[in-house]
Amino acid sequence: MNFSTSVNDVQISTEYTEVLLCNHDGIAIGTKDKLQAHLDGDLHIAFSVQIVRPARHHQSGVELLLQRRALGKYHSEGLWANTCCSHPLHNESLEEACKRRVREELNIELTSPIQKIAEFTYRAELDNGLVEHEYDHLFVVEQDIPTFAPNHFEVSQMQWLHIDDVALALTQTPEDFSAWFPKVFERVTAYYAPKK
């Protein structure tokens, strides 16, 4: 994908060492080293945030704010994904976790409501021997972000893209996207589908 971008370097590293393991109902049952959990394929709690704004240029529908994961990330480096995806800390609410990681990764303060639209589980074998196995809580935030200044340790590019153009890109170049993004996009698309 050939997206334009506006990126300012921010010298902050945000590494956390543990994830919350959970059962198939999404109930936390313990903690584990993040890398080891991804080596072992353990089911753990995650969240995904998709920031959305009304479409521009007289188009109907919505635009999605996508991020391209930084080179050097421990998995899925250089791939496009939803606005933010991460793991909550122990004793941290999911809403607090969303605000924290969007701030840490993107230097964006979420000021609009954080709306939960889905929960789902997925498992994906990644290209570096790691396994992503997550109980994912999906949130949308309807907020315009006019300029970008992401943390370059986390994110290399950001781009607003119309939802129809995202669908086309997923069809034409699926290898450009993270393993979880099609599952996120499917649910976001369903949420914003025209009501009949």
Protein backbone atom coordinates (compact mmCIF):
# COMPACT_ATOMS: atom_id res chain seq x y z
CA MET A 1 0.00 0.00 0.00
CA ASN A 2 1.30 3.44 -0.83
CA PHE A 3 -0.04 5.76 1.85
CA SER A 4 1.04 9.30 2.56
CA THR A 5 1.96 10.12 6.12
CA SER A 6 3.09 12.80 8.52
CA VAL A 7 5.40 11.45 11.21
CA ASN A 8 7.40 13.18 13.91
CA ASP A 9 9.90 11.14 15.89
CA VAL A 10 9.12 10.72 19.58
CA GLN A 11 11.84 9.12 21.71
CA ILE A 12 9.81 6.97 24.06
CA SER A 13 9.91 3.18 24.40
CA THR A 14 6.86 1.53 25.95
CA GLU A 15 7.67 -2.07 26.72
CA TYR A 16 5.58 -4.14 29.13
CA THR A 17 6.65 -7.60 30.15
CA GLU A 18 3.48 -9.49 31.11
CA VAL A 19 0.09 -10.34 29.66
CA LEU A 20 -3.06 -11.50 31.42
CA LEU A 21 -3.84 -15.14 30.63
CA CYS A 22 -7.54 -15.95 30.41
CA ASN A 23 -9.98 -18.79 29.90
CA HIS A 24 -12.25 -19.15 26.86
CA ASP A 25 -14.80 -16.84 28.50
CA GLY A 26 -12.23 -14.04 28.72
CA ILE A 27 -11.84 -14.31 32.50
CA ALA A 28 -8.29 -13.59 33.71
CA ILE A 29 -6.61 -16.60 35.32
CA GLY A 30 -3.03 -15.39 35.78
CA THR A 31 -0.10 -13.58 34.21
CA LYS A 32 2.82 -14.66 32.05
CA ASP A 33 5.85 -13.14 30.39
CA LYS A 34 4.61 -11.55 27.15
CA LEU A 35 7.17 -13.12 24.84
CA GLN A 36 6.80 -16.56 26.44
CA ALA A 37 3.00 -16.39 26.11
CA HIS A 38 3.40 -15.68 22.41
CA LEU A 39 5.91 -18.51 22.03
CA ASP A 40 3.57 -20.94 23.79
CA GLY A 41 0.39 -19.68 22.12
CA ASP A 42 -1.40 -19.02 25.41
CA LEU A 43 -4.81 -17.37 25.27
CA HIS A 44 -4.55 -13.89 26.76
CA ILE A 45 -6.57 -10.70 27.05
CA ALA A 46 -6.12 -8.02 24.42
CA PHE A 47 -7.94 -4.98 23.11
CA SER A 48 -8.21 -3.26 19.75
CA VAL A 49 -9.12 0.39 19.18
CA GLN A 50 -10.41 1.70 15.89
CA ILE A 51 -10.64 5.49 15.61
CA VAL A 52 -13.26 6.56 13.06
CA ARG A 53 -14.43 9.84 11.52
CA PRO A 54 -17.11 10.75 8.95
CA ALA A 55 -15.92 10.40 5.36
CA ARG A 56 -14.61 13.50 3.60
CA HIS A 57 -14.97 14.89 0.08
CA HIS A 58 -18.72 14.33 -0.19
CA GLN A 59 -18.38 10.58 0.33
CA SER A 60 -20.81 8.64 2.48
CA GLY A 61 -19.66 6.23 5.18
CA VAL A 62 -16.63 6.58 7.43
CA GLU A 63 -12.87 6.73 7.35
CA LEU A 64 -10.64 4.57 9.55
CA LEU A 65 -7.39 5.68 11.12
CA LEU A 66 -4.83 2.93 10.43
CA GLN A 67 -1.32 2.51 11.75
CA ARG A 68 1.70 0.77 10.26
CA ARG A 69 3.61 -1.10 12.93
CA ALA A 70 7.21 0.00 13.36
CA LEU A 71 10.09 -2.07 12.06
CA GLY A 72 11.66 -3.80 15.03
CA LYS A 73 8.39 -4.73 16.73
CA TYR A 74 8.60 -8.24 18.16
CA HIS A 75 6.01 -9.44 15.67
CA SER A 76 4.08 -8.16 12.64
CA GLU A 77 6.62 -5.42 12.02
CA GLY A 78 5.89 -3.14 9.09
CA LEU A 79 2.30 -4.35 8.70
CA TRP A 80 -0.82 -2.18 8.67
CA ALA A 81 -3.39 -2.60 11.43
CA ASN A 82 -6.22 -0.79 13.20
CA THR A 83 -5.46 2.38 15.16
CA CYS A 84 -4.14 0.62 18.26
CA CYS A 85 -3.98 -2.88 19.66
CA SER A 86 -2.35 -4.01 22.89
CA HIS A 87 -2.81 -5.70 26.27
CA PRO A 88 -4.22 -4.33 29.53
CA LEU A 89 -2.06 -4.20 32.61
CA HIS A 90 -2.96 -6.06 35.80
CA ASN A 91 -5.73 -4.18 37.68
CA GLU A 92 -6.26 -1.78 34.75
CA SER A 93 -9.69 -1.36 33.19
CA LEU A 94 -10.00 -1.85 29.45
CA GLU A 95 -11.03 1.79 28.97
CA GLU A 96 -7.96 2.95 30.92
CA ALA A 97 -5.81 0.61 28.83
CA CYS A 98 -7.23 2.00 25.58
CA LYS A 99 -6.47 5.58 26.63
CA ARG A 100 -2.98 4.67 27.87
CA ARG A 101 -1.86 2.80 24.77
CA VAL A 102 -3.33 5.27 22.28
CA ARG A 103 -1.42 7.98 24.16
CA GLU A 104 1.80 5.94 24.33
CA GLU A 105 1.77 4.70 20.73
CA LEU A 106 0.22 7.65 18.92
CA ASN A 107 0.43 10.69 21.22
CA ILE A 108 -3.35 11.02 20.94
CA GLU A 109 -5.66 11.84 23.84
CA LEU A 110 -9.00 10.08 23.47
CA THR A 111 -11.67 12.67 24.27
CA SER A 112 -14.67 10.96 22.65
CA PRO A 113 -16.61 8.00 24.11
CA ILE A 114 -14.90 4.62 23.90
CA GLN A 115 -17.58 2.29 22.56
CA LYS A 116 -17.22 -1.47 22.86
CA ILE A 117 -18.67 -3.20 19.81
CA ALA A 118 -17.45 -6.81 20.03
CA GLU A 119 -15.45 -9.53 21.75
CA PHE A 120 -13.83 -12.34 19.80
CA THR A 121 -11.10 -14.95 20.06
CA TYR A 122 -8.57 -15.69 17.36
CA ARG A 123 -5.38 -17.66 16.94
CA ALA A 124 -2.75 -16.94 14.28
CA GLU A 125 0.65 -18.42 13.54
CA LEU A 126 3.00 -15.50 12.89
CA ASP A 127 6.00 -15.45 10.57
CA ASN A 128 8.66 -15.49 13.30
CA GLY A 129 7.62 -18.57 15.27
CA LEU A 130 5.29 -16.66 17.58
CA VAL A 131 1.59 -17.39 18.03
CA GLU A 132 -1.00 -14.68 18.55
CA HIS A 133 -3.86 -16.20 20.58
CA GLU A 134 -6.07 -13.48 21.98
CA TYR A 135 -9.41 -12.82 23.58
CA ASP A 136 -9.85 -9.43 21.94
CA HIS A 137 -12.13 -6.63 23.13
CA LEU A 138 -12.89 -4.31 20.20
CA PHE A 139 -13.64 -0.61 20.70
CA VAL A 140 -14.45 2.23 18.33
CA VAL A 141 -13.84 5.91 19.04
CA GLU A 142 -15.42 8.54 16.80
CA GLN A 143 -12.86 11.34 16.86
CA ASP A 144 -11.11 13.35 14.18
CA ILE A 145 -7.30 13.40 14.42
CA PRO A 146 -6.01 16.07 12.01
CA THR A 147 -2.25 15.65 12.54
CA PHE A 148 -0.02 12.72 13.46
CA ALA A 149 3.02 12.46 15.75
CA PRO A 150 3.34 8.77 16.67
CA ASN A 151 5.98 7.13 18.83
CA HIS A 152 8.46 5.81 16.25
CA PHE A 153 9.35 2.82 18.45
CA GLU A 154 5.74 1.66 18.00
CA VAL A 155 4.38 3.13 14.76
CA SER A 156 6.07 4.09 11.49
CA GLN A 157 3.07 5.57 9.63
CA MET A 158 -0.55 6.60 10.14
CA GLN A 159 -3.24 7.15 7.53
CA TRP A 160 -6.94 7.95 7.29
CA LEU A 161 -8.57 5.71 4.69
CA HIS A 162 -12.17 5.34 3.57
CA ILE A 163 -13.71 2.08 4.74
CA ASP A 164 -14.32 0.99 1.11
CA ASP A 165 -10.66 1.59 0.24
CA VAL A 166 -9.59 -0.50 3.22
CA ALA A 167 -11.81 -3.34 1.99
CA LEU A 168 -10.21 -3.09 -1.46
CA ALA A 169 -6.68 -3.10 -0.03
CA LEU A 170 -7.44 -6.15 2.10
CA THR A 171 -8.58 -7.95 -1.05
CA GLN A 172 -5.70 -6.85 -3.26
CA THR A 173 -2.76 -6.95 -0.81
CA PRO A 174 -3.74 -8.95 2.29
CA GLU A 175 -0.06 -9.56 3.04
CA ASP A 176 0.28 -5.87 3.96
CA PHE A 177 -1.97 -6.30 7.02
CA SER A 178 -1.58 -7.87 10.45
CA ALA A 179 -3.17 -11.25 11.15
CA TRP A 180 -5.85 -9.76 13.41
CA PHE A 181 -6.86 -6.78 11.29
CA PRO A 182 -9.28 -8.63 8.94
CA LYS A 183 -11.19 -9.82 12.02
CA VAL A 184 -11.29 -6.30 13.44
CA PHE A 185 -12.30 -4.84 10.08
CA GLU A 186 -15.11 -7.35 9.60
CA ARG A 187 -16.70 -6.28 12.89
CA VAL A 188 -16.15 -2.56 12.34
CA THR A 189 -17.70 -2.87 8.88
CA ALA A 190 -20.73 -4.65 10.33
CA TYR A 191 -21.09 -1.96 13.01
CA TYR A 192 -21.07 0.85 10.45
CA ALA A 193 -23.11 -0.94 7.78
CA PRO A 194 -26.09 1.15 6.62
CA LYS A 195 -29.13 0.34 8.73
CA LYS A 196 -32.04 -1.01 6.69
